[in-house]
N, C-alpha and C. Protein backbone atom coordinates (compact mmCIF):
# COMPACT_ATOMS: atom_id res chain seq x y z
N UNK A 1 -31.06 84.02 -28.64
CA UNK A 1 -31.90 83.72 -28.77
C UNK A 1 -31.10 82.06 -29.10
N UNK A 2 -31.77 81.50 -28.77
CA UNK A 2 -30.87 80.22 -29.00
C UNK A 2 -31.66 78.98 -29.55
N UNK A 3 -30.79 78.58 -31.18
CA UNK A 3 -31.35 77.79 -31.45
C UNK A 3 -31.24 76.40 -31.62
N UNK A 4 -31.91 75.02 -31.63
CA UNK A 4 -30.90 73.61 -31.38
C UNK A 4 -31.64 73.11 -33.41
N UNK A 5 -30.58 73.09 -33.85
CA UNK A 5 -30.68 72.11 -34.77
C UNK A 5 -30.32 70.81 -34.76
N UNK A 6 -31.30 69.54 -35.12
CA UNK A 6 -31.47 67.66 -35.06
C UNK A 6 -32.16 67.45 -36.42
N UNK A 7 -31.91 66.46 -36.77
CA UNK A 7 -31.80 65.43 -37.48
C UNK A 7 -33.96 64.94 -37.31
N UNK A 8 -34.71 66.01 -38.92
CA UNK A 8 -36.37 65.80 -38.35
C UNK A 8 -36.40 65.64 -40.26
N UNK A 9 -38.08 64.76 -39.80
CA UNK A 9 -38.36 64.28 -41.37
C UNK A 9 -38.51 65.58 -41.36
N UNK A 10 -38.94 65.74 -42.90
CA UNK A 10 -39.38 67.36 -43.49
C UNK A 10 -41.12 66.99 -43.83
N UNK A 11 -41.33 65.76 -43.22
CA UNK A 11 -42.70 65.63 -43.60
C UNK A 11 -43.91 66.25 -42.86
N UNK A 12 -43.30 67.57 -42.12
CA UNK A 12 -44.14 67.69 -40.46
C UNK A 12 -44.60 69.67 -41.66
N UNK A 13 -45.80 69.96 -40.56
CA UNK A 13 -46.15 71.22 -41.38
C UNK A 13 -45.74 72.53 -41.32
N UNK A 14 -44.77 72.30 -39.94
CA UNK A 14 -43.67 73.59 -40.02
C UNK A 14 -43.05 73.25 -41.15
N UNK A 15 -42.10 73.21 -41.74
CA UNK A 15 -41.59 72.07 -42.23
C UNK A 15 -41.53 72.60 -43.54
N UNK A 16 -42.71 72.08 -43.88
CA UNK A 16 -42.71 72.25 -45.70
C UNK A 16 -43.24 74.18 -45.01
N UNK A 17 -43.63 74.50 -44.00
CA UNK A 17 -43.78 75.85 -43.89
C UNK A 17 -42.21 76.40 -44.14
N UNK A 18 -41.54 76.18 -44.07
CA UNK A 18 -39.76 77.26 -44.50
C UNK A 18 -40.02 75.70 -45.81
N UNK A 19 -39.80 75.26 -46.25
CA UNK A 19 -40.44 74.98 -47.82
C UNK A 19 -40.43 75.81 -48.58
N UNK A 20 -41.63 76.33 -48.38
CA UNK A 20 -42.89 77.57 -49.35
C UNK A 20 -41.81 79.18 -48.72
N UNK A 21 -41.88 79.48 -48.30
CA UNK A 21 -41.38 80.70 -47.64
C UNK A 21 -39.37 80.17 -48.58
N UNK A 22 -38.72 79.48 -48.19
CA UNK A 22 -37.95 79.46 -49.15
C UNK A 22 -38.63 79.53 -50.67
N UNK A 23 -39.06 78.77 -51.21
CA UNK A 23 -40.08 79.19 -52.55
C UNK A 23 -40.74 80.10 -53.57
N UNK A 24 -40.91 80.73 -52.34
CA UNK A 24 -41.39 82.48 -52.45
C UNK A 24 -40.09 82.50 -52.22
N UNK A 25 -39.67 83.24 -51.53
CA UNK A 25 -38.06 84.16 -51.38
C UNK A 25 -37.31 83.77 -53.20
N UNK A 26 -37.13 82.86 -52.68
CA UNK A 26 -36.10 82.74 -54.06
C UNK A 26 -37.17 82.81 -55.73
N UNK A 27 -38.49 83.25 -55.86
CA UNK A 27 -39.00 83.73 -57.20
C UNK A 27 -38.21 85.06 -57.26
N UNK A 28 -38.21 85.83 -57.20
CA UNK A 28 -37.97 86.73 -57.77
C UNK A 28 -36.31 86.46 -57.82
N UNK A 29 -35.66 86.62 -57.58
CA UNK A 29 -34.15 86.07 -57.76
C UNK A 29 -33.78 85.78 -58.54
N UNK A 30 -34.09 84.25 -59.64
CA UNK A 30 -33.59 83.97 -60.09
C UNK A 30 -34.86 83.37 -61.40
N UNK A 31 -33.64 83.06 -63.08
CA UNK A 31 -35.95 82.68 -63.74
C UNK A 31 -36.33 81.19 -62.89
N UNK A 32 -37.08 80.85 -62.63
CA UNK A 32 -38.18 79.54 -62.37
C UNK A 32 -37.10 78.21 -62.39
N UNK A 33 -36.81 78.68 -63.85
CA UNK A 33 -36.50 77.15 -64.57
C UNK A 33 -34.87 77.20 -64.24
N UNK A 34 -34.35 77.82 -63.33
CA UNK A 34 -33.43 77.84 -63.42
C UNK A 34 -32.90 77.57 -61.73
N UNK A 35 -34.29 77.23 -60.82
CA UNK A 35 -34.98 77.37 -59.83
C UNK A 35 -34.47 76.08 -59.63
N UNK A 36 -33.89 74.94 -58.60
CA UNK A 36 -33.63 74.17 -58.13
C UNK A 36 -33.62 72.45 -56.79
N UNK A 37 -35.19 73.24 -56.90
CA UNK A 37 -36.15 72.65 -55.81
C UNK A 37 -36.90 71.68 -55.46
N UNK A 38 -36.72 70.88 -54.08
CA UNK A 38 -36.68 69.41 -54.35
C UNK A 38 -38.10 70.23 -53.23
N UNK A 39 -38.79 69.10 -53.18
CA UNK A 39 -40.05 69.18 -53.55
C UNK A 39 -40.38 68.32 -50.34
N UNK A 40 -41.01 68.70 -50.39
CA UNK A 40 -40.07 67.57 -49.02
C UNK A 40 -40.66 65.91 -49.22
N UNK A 41 -41.74 66.29 -50.18
CA UNK A 41 -41.91 63.98 -50.44
C UNK A 41 -40.52 63.41 -50.93
N UNK A 42 -39.40 64.51 -51.64
CA UNK A 42 -37.92 64.10 -52.59
C UNK A 42 -36.99 63.98 -50.51
N UNK A 43 -37.25 65.22 -50.38
CA UNK A 43 -36.34 65.70 -49.29
C UNK A 43 -36.44 64.18 -48.38
N UNK A 44 -37.43 63.96 -48.34
CA UNK A 44 -37.75 62.75 -47.37
C UNK A 44 -37.56 61.24 -48.28
N UNK A 45 -36.18 61.55 -48.55
CA UNK A 45 -35.92 60.10 -49.84
C UNK A 45 -34.19 59.29 -48.59
N UNK A 46 -34.24 58.31 -48.78
CA UNK A 46 -32.89 57.52 -48.33
C UNK A 46 -32.04 58.15 -48.06
N UNK A 47 -31.62 59.29 -49.26
CA UNK A 47 -30.34 59.20 -49.91
C UNK A 47 -29.85 61.44 -49.01
N UNK A 48 -31.44 61.63 -48.23
CA UNK A 48 -31.25 62.71 -48.65
C UNK A 48 -31.67 62.98 -46.50
N UNK A 49 -31.04 64.11 -45.25
CA UNK A 49 -30.88 64.09 -44.35
C UNK A 49 -31.24 65.80 -44.10
N UNK A 50 -32.43 65.79 -43.13
CA UNK A 50 -33.08 66.87 -43.05
C UNK A 50 -32.76 67.83 -41.60
N UNK A 51 -32.05 69.25 -41.54
CA UNK A 51 -31.81 69.41 -40.61
C UNK A 51 -32.44 70.22 -40.06
N UNK A 52 -32.93 69.95 -38.76
CA UNK A 52 -34.70 71.84 -38.62
C UNK A 52 -33.95 72.01 -37.53
N UNK A 53 -33.48 73.70 -38.11
CA UNK A 53 -32.84 74.51 -36.85
C UNK A 53 -34.60 74.49 -35.91
N UNK A 54 -34.57 74.97 -34.79
CA UNK A 54 -36.07 75.53 -33.90
C UNK A 54 -35.43 76.11 -32.88
N UNK A 55 -36.48 77.38 -32.00
CA UNK A 55 -35.91 77.81 -30.85
C UNK A 55 -36.09 77.53 -29.84
N UNK A 56 -36.30 77.61 -29.00
CA UNK A 56 -36.76 76.69 -27.42
C UNK A 56 -38.28 76.34 -27.32
N UNK A 57 -39.06 77.10 -27.59
CA UNK A 57 -40.34 77.23 -27.44
C UNK A 57 -40.83 76.21 -28.78
N UNK A 58 -40.49 75.36 -29.06
CA UNK A 58 -40.15 74.48 -30.99
C UNK A 58 -40.38 74.96 -31.96
N UNK A 59 -40.60 76.45 -32.29
CA UNK A 59 -40.76 76.64 -34.08
C UNK A 59 -39.93 76.60 -34.84
N UNK A 60 -40.25 76.44 -35.47
CA UNK A 60 -38.99 76.22 -36.43
C UNK A 60 -39.10 77.41 -37.05
N UNK A 61 -37.19 77.99 -37.56
CA UNK A 61 -36.87 78.89 -38.02
C UNK A 61 -35.83 78.80 -38.85
N UNK A 62 -35.80 77.58 -40.01
CA UNK A 62 -34.37 77.22 -40.60
C UNK A 62 -33.92 75.67 -40.81
N UNK A 63 -33.59 75.94 -41.78
CA UNK A 63 -33.48 73.82 -42.30
C UNK A 63 -32.62 73.93 -43.50
N UNK A 64 -31.96 72.79 -43.21
CA UNK A 64 -30.81 72.85 -44.67
C UNK A 64 -31.03 70.49 -44.76
N UNK A 65 -29.92 70.43 -45.72
CA UNK A 65 -30.32 68.64 -45.64
C UNK A 65 -28.64 68.70 -47.23
N UNK A 66 -28.32 67.68 -46.69
CA UNK A 66 -27.44 66.20 -47.30
C UNK A 66 -27.49 65.69 -47.98
N UNK A 67 -27.73 65.63 -48.86
CA UNK A 67 -28.09 64.45 -50.15
C UNK A 67 -27.44 63.66 -51.12
N UNK A 68 -27.50 62.75 -50.30
CA UNK A 68 -25.57 62.15 -51.00
C UNK A 68 -25.63 61.16 -51.97
N UNK A 69 -24.55 62.32 -53.37
CA UNK A 69 -25.21 61.53 -54.37
C UNK A 69 -24.13 60.13 -54.54
N UNK A 70 -23.49 59.78 -53.34
CA UNK A 70 -22.03 58.69 -53.82
C UNK A 70 -21.52 58.32 -52.78
N UNK A 71 -20.35 57.22 -52.42
CA UNK A 71 -19.33 57.43 -51.60
C UNK A 71 -19.09 58.36 -50.90
N UNK A 72 -18.99 58.94 -51.89
CA UNK A 72 -18.36 60.56 -52.38
C UNK A 72 -18.66 61.60 -51.48
N UNK A 73 -19.80 62.40 -52.83
CA UNK A 73 -20.48 63.14 -52.61
C UNK A 73 -21.45 63.34 -52.13
N UNK A 74 -21.52 64.13 -51.15
CA UNK A 74 -22.62 65.51 -50.90
C UNK A 74 -22.99 66.51 -50.95
N UNK A 75 -24.25 66.75 -50.98
CA UNK A 75 -24.72 68.66 -51.74
C UNK A 75 -25.06 68.73 -50.49
N UNK A 76 -24.71 70.04 -50.89
CA UNK A 76 -25.65 71.12 -49.53
C UNK A 76 -27.39 71.45 -50.00
N UNK A 77 -28.03 70.88 -49.26
CA UNK A 77 -29.25 71.20 -50.57
C UNK A 77 -30.36 72.52 -49.11
N UNK A 78 -30.75 73.06 -49.54
CA UNK A 78 -32.03 73.86 -49.61
C UNK A 78 -31.68 74.21 -47.84
N UNK A 79 -30.98 75.32 -48.24
CA UNK A 79 -30.67 76.33 -46.91
C UNK A 79 -31.54 77.32 -46.61
N UNK A 80 -31.96 77.64 -45.95
CA UNK A 80 -32.64 79.11 -45.74
C UNK A 80 -32.98 79.69 -43.77
N UNK A 81 -33.09 80.18 -43.57
CA UNK A 81 -33.85 80.69 -42.27
C UNK A 81 -34.65 81.27 -42.59
N UNK A 82 -35.47 81.63 -41.33
CA UNK A 82 -36.86 82.79 -41.48
C UNK A 82 -35.78 83.51 -41.42
N UNK A 83 -36.53 84.73 -42.08
CA UNK A 83 -35.94 86.31 -42.05
C UNK A 83 -36.32 86.72 -40.90
N UNK A 84 -37.26 86.27 -39.72
CA UNK A 84 -36.87 86.94 -38.16
C UNK A 84 -35.18 86.83 -37.24
N UNK A 85 -35.10 85.45 -37.82
CA UNK A 85 -33.93 85.55 -37.06
C UNK A 85 -32.56 85.32 -38.10
N UNK A 86 -32.65 86.24 -39.33
CA UNK A 86 -30.99 86.45 -39.39
C UNK A 86 -30.16 87.84 -39.23
N UNK A 87 -28.85 86.49 -39.63
CA UNK A 87 -28.13 87.37 -38.23
C UNK A 87 -27.74 86.68 -37.58
N UNK A 88 -27.96 85.60 -36.87
CA UNK A 88 -28.61 85.64 -35.70
C UNK A 88 -28.05 84.13 -35.65
N UNK A 89 -26.64 84.05 -36.81
CA UNK A 89 -26.17 82.76 -36.48
C UNK A 89 -26.56 81.41 -36.83
N UNK A 90 -28.17 81.49 -36.94
CA UNK A 90 -28.61 79.75 -37.21
C UNK A 90 -28.69 79.33 -38.22
N UNK A 91 -28.34 80.09 -40.02
CA UNK A 91 -27.44 79.61 -40.58
C UNK A 91 -25.94 78.97 -40.81
N UNK A 92 -25.73 79.08 -39.46
CA UNK A 92 -24.23 78.97 -39.51
C UNK A 92 -24.65 77.33 -38.23
N UNK A 93 -24.91 77.14 -37.87
CA UNK A 93 -25.89 76.13 -37.56
C UNK A 93 -26.09 74.80 -37.84
N UNK A 94 -27.50 75.56 -39.04
CA UNK A 94 -27.60 74.14 -39.56
C UNK A 94 -25.90 73.58 -40.73
N UNK A 95 -25.62 74.79 -41.19
CA UNK A 95 -24.52 74.14 -41.70
C UNK A 95 -23.23 73.96 -41.93
N UNK A 96 -22.72 74.21 -39.85
CA UNK A 96 -22.19 73.63 -39.50
C UNK A 96 -22.28 71.86 -38.82
N UNK A 97 -23.58 71.59 -38.91
CA UNK A 97 -24.76 70.48 -38.57
C UNK A 97 -24.54 69.51 -40.23
N UNK A 98 -24.26 70.05 -40.97
CA UNK A 98 -24.65 69.12 -42.60
C UNK A 98 -23.30 69.05 -42.30
N UNK A 99 -21.80 69.90 -42.62
CA UNK A 99 -21.03 69.04 -43.08
C UNK A 99 -20.50 67.70 -41.97
N UNK A 100 -20.47 67.97 -40.04
CA UNK A 100 -20.50 67.78 -39.06
C UNK A 100 -21.05 65.55 -39.61
N UNK A 101 -21.94 65.92 -40.50
CA UNK A 101 -22.12 64.39 -40.87
C UNK A 101 -21.88 64.22 -42.24
N UNK A 102 -21.48 65.35 -42.96
CA UNK A 102 -20.87 64.45 -43.65
C UNK A 102 -19.19 63.98 -44.02
N UNK A 103 -19.00 64.58 -43.08
CA UNK A 103 -17.99 63.71 -42.12
C UNK A 103 -18.46 62.53 -41.44
N UNK A 104 -18.92 62.76 -40.75
CA UNK A 104 -19.26 61.29 -39.57
C UNK A 104 -19.71 60.29 -41.04
N UNK A 105 -20.42 60.86 -42.01
CA UNK A 105 -20.02 59.56 -43.28
C UNK A 105 -19.88 59.16 -44.62
N UNK A 106 -18.37 59.85 -44.01
CA UNK A 106 -17.37 59.63 -44.49
C UNK A 106 -17.43 60.76 -46.12
N UNK A 107 -18.18 61.14 -46.47
CA UNK A 107 -17.72 61.91 -47.57
C UNK A 107 -16.69 62.52 -47.23
N UNK A 108 -15.74 62.63 -48.84
CA UNK A 108 -14.94 63.40 -49.33
C UNK A 108 -15.23 64.38 -50.19
N UNK A 109 -16.90 64.84 -50.25
CA UNK A 109 -16.17 66.18 -51.19
C UNK A 109 -18.22 66.33 -50.45
N UNK A 110 -18.47 67.78 -50.18
CA UNK A 110 -19.54 68.95 -49.76
C UNK A 110 -19.22 69.33 -50.96
N UNK A 111 -20.71 69.83 -52.34
CA UNK A 111 -20.58 70.70 -53.58
C UNK A 111 -22.17 71.06 -52.73
N UNK A 112 -22.79 72.35 -53.04
CA UNK A 112 -23.90 72.79 -53.43
C UNK A 112 -23.68 73.88 -54.96
N UNK A 113 -25.28 74.63 -55.25
CA UNK A 113 -26.00 75.17 -56.14
C UNK A 113 -25.93 76.45 -55.91
N UNK A 114 -25.78 77.59 -56.18
CA UNK A 114 -27.03 78.82 -54.51
C UNK A 114 -26.74 79.49 -56.70
N UNK A 115 -27.87 80.61 -56.29
CA UNK A 115 -27.64 82.03 -57.16
C UNK A 115 -27.01 83.24 -57.14
N UNK A 116 -27.28 83.84 -58.07
CA UNK A 116 -26.40 84.62 -57.88
C UNK A 116 -26.73 86.49 -58.17
N UNK A 117 -25.85 87.30 -57.48
CA UNK A 117 -26.30 88.75 -56.97
C UNK A 117 -26.94 88.61 -55.94
N UNK A 118 -27.30 89.80 -55.90
CA UNK A 118 -27.59 90.17 -54.11
C UNK A 118 -27.99 89.80 -53.41
N UNK A 119 -29.48 89.08 -54.06
CA UNK A 119 -30.11 88.24 -53.10
C UNK A 119 -29.09 86.64 -52.33
N UNK A 120 -28.53 86.62 -53.13
CA UNK A 120 -28.08 85.41 -52.77
C UNK A 120 -26.12 85.90 -51.53
N UNK A 121 -25.57 87.02 -51.80
CA UNK A 121 -24.69 87.68 -51.23
C UNK A 121 -24.15 86.36 -50.11
N UNK A 122 -25.36 87.20 -48.88
CA UNK A 122 -24.90 86.47 -47.59
C UNK A 122 -24.60 85.09 -47.80
N UNK A 123 -25.24 84.03 -48.73
CA UNK A 123 -25.46 83.01 -48.67
C UNK A 123 -24.14 82.90 -49.07
N UNK A 124 -22.94 83.67 -50.46
CA UNK A 124 -21.91 83.16 -50.83
C UNK A 124 -21.03 82.88 -49.41
N UNK A 125 -21.37 84.26 -48.73
CA UNK A 125 -20.00 84.86 -47.59
C UNK A 125 -20.41 83.85 -47.18
N UNK A 126 -21.25 83.58 -46.17
CA UNK A 126 -21.31 82.04 -45.65
C UNK A 126 -20.31 80.79 -45.97
N UNK A 127 -20.90 80.44 -47.06
CA UNK A 127 -20.23 78.99 -48.44
C UNK A 127 -18.29 79.44 -47.36
N UNK A 128 -18.07 80.23 -48.17
CA UNK A 128 -16.97 81.51 -48.26
C UNK A 128 -15.95 81.34 -46.81
N UNK A 129 -17.17 81.75 -46.23
CA UNK A 129 -16.70 82.14 -44.87
C UNK A 129 -15.55 80.20 -44.18
N UNK A 130 -16.95 80.11 -44.39
CA UNK A 130 -16.60 78.26 -44.88
C UNK A 130 -15.58 77.36 -45.35
N UNK A 131 -15.10 78.08 -45.26
CA UNK A 131 -13.84 77.23 -46.87
C UNK A 131 -14.53 76.05 -47.83
N UNK A 132 -15.45 76.29 -47.78
CA UNK A 132 -15.76 75.95 -49.36
C UNK A 132 -15.51 77.62 -50.65
N UNK A 133 -15.23 76.88 -51.67
CA UNK A 133 -14.74 77.38 -52.72
C UNK A 133 -15.72 77.49 -54.09
N UNK A 134 -15.28 78.43 -54.85
CA UNK A 134 -16.01 78.51 -56.46
C UNK A 134 -15.38 77.20 -57.03
N UNK A 135 -16.63 76.33 -57.63
CA UNK A 135 -15.77 75.75 -58.49
C UNK A 135 -16.83 75.43 -60.02
N UNK A 136 -17.12 74.60 -60.40
CA UNK A 136 -17.51 75.03 -62.35
C UNK A 136 -19.06 74.33 -61.89
N UNK A 137 -19.86 74.28 -62.74
CA UNK A 137 -21.24 72.97 -62.53
C UNK A 137 -21.43 71.36 -62.32
N UNK A 138 -21.81 71.03 -61.50
CA UNK A 138 -21.58 70.08 -61.79
C UNK A 138 -23.18 68.31 -61.65
N UNK A 139 -22.78 67.72 -61.38
CA UNK A 139 -23.62 66.87 -61.39
C UNK A 139 -24.41 66.87 -62.73
N UNK A 140 -25.56 67.52 -63.06
CA UNK A 140 -26.42 67.21 -63.83
C UNK A 140 -26.91 69.28 -64.46
N UNK A 141 -26.43 69.89 -62.94
CA UNK A 141 -26.67 71.71 -63.52
C UNK A 141 -26.30 72.14 -64.23
N UNK A 142 -27.50 73.29 -65.56
CA UNK A 142 -26.43 73.31 -66.52
C UNK A 142 -25.32 75.35 -65.69
N UNK A 143 -24.87 74.72 -66.86
CA UNK A 143 -23.82 75.90 -66.89
C UNK A 143 -24.50 77.90 -67.28
N UNK A 144 -25.19 78.37 -66.62
CA UNK A 144 -26.09 79.06 -66.86
C UNK A 144 -26.24 80.69 -67.14
N UNK A 145 -24.94 80.88 -65.97
CA UNK A 145 -24.90 81.93 -66.38
C UNK A 145 -25.62 82.66 -64.47
N UNK A 146 -26.99 81.97 -64.04
CA UNK A 146 -27.75 81.92 -62.95
C UNK A 146 -27.72 81.27 -61.72
N UNK A 147 -25.59 80.47 -61.56
CA UNK A 147 -26.42 79.26 -60.51
C UNK A 147 -24.50 80.06 -59.76
N UNK A 148 -24.30 80.36 -58.66
CA UNK A 148 -23.25 80.19 -57.98
C UNK A 148 -22.53 78.83 -57.51
N UNK A 149 -21.20 77.91 -57.53
CA UNK A 149 -20.62 76.41 -57.02
C UNK A 149 -20.34 76.47 -56.63
N UNK A 150 -20.19 76.11 -54.64
CA UNK A 150 -18.96 75.43 -54.86
C UNK A 150 -18.60 74.40 -54.65
N UNK A 151 -17.58 74.50 -53.62
CA UNK A 151 -17.23 72.59 -53.18
C UNK A 151 -16.28 72.68 -52.17
N UNK A 152 -16.07 72.00 -51.38
CA UNK A 152 -15.25 71.37 -50.22
C UNK A 152 -14.93 69.85 -49.58
N UNK A 153 -13.73 70.00 -49.96
CA UNK A 153 -13.12 68.60 -49.53
C UNK A 153 -12.81 68.62 -47.95
N UNK A 154 -13.54 67.45 -47.66
CA UNK A 154 -13.30 67.50 -46.36
C UNK A 154 -12.75 66.64 -46.26
N UNK A 155 -11.72 66.95 -44.84
CA UNK A 155 -10.77 65.31 -43.96
C UNK A 155 -11.32 64.35 -43.23
N UNK A 156 -11.11 63.39 -43.85
CA UNK A 156 -12.05 62.53 -42.75
C UNK A 156 -10.89 62.69 -41.16
N UNK A 157 -10.52 62.86 -40.22
CA UNK A 157 -9.77 62.86 -39.17
C UNK A 157 -9.68 61.52 -38.83
N UNK A 158 -7.60 61.42 -38.55
CA UNK A 158 -7.27 60.31 -38.43
C UNK A 158 -7.92 59.66 -37.50
N UNK A 159 -7.60 58.26 -37.58
CA UNK A 159 -8.10 57.21 -36.21
C UNK A 159 -7.17 56.70 -35.11
N UNK A 160 -7.56 56.79 -34.17
CA UNK A 160 -5.98 55.63 -33.65
C UNK A 160 -5.75 55.02 -33.47
N UNK A 161 -4.37 54.34 -34.11
CA UNK A 161 -3.82 52.52 -33.99
C UNK A 161 -4.16 52.52 -33.09
């Protein structure tokens, strides 16, 4: 299985299906009031870049987004891989693309909010493997005990003199 990741508009039927699948996946895992979802319309805003993973036949099998809050801070949003491709490094490719995009935008920090509990264990492993460390609540997220927060400081490569 070879998946490629590219920047795409979320305003496509197959991306909408991924968003719906993510929302359905989250329902039993956290209280609804502590699920901080973005609609595809919000994801299509100028502050957000959506990355979609597709199989060679064009099937959308994963997504993630980078939301830029200011010149320093970006947030990883809406990470999801279809259950049919879990364990095949699709999430890794999406996260690597988000980190690279954040570096291209010269952001200094990436943060994210995700759930807690066994249903989120794979996500926690992925984020920590890529250098994210636990942090406190940020922006307007409540410190409810239903969320885990992670951050990564990005280093911008030195330019040649």
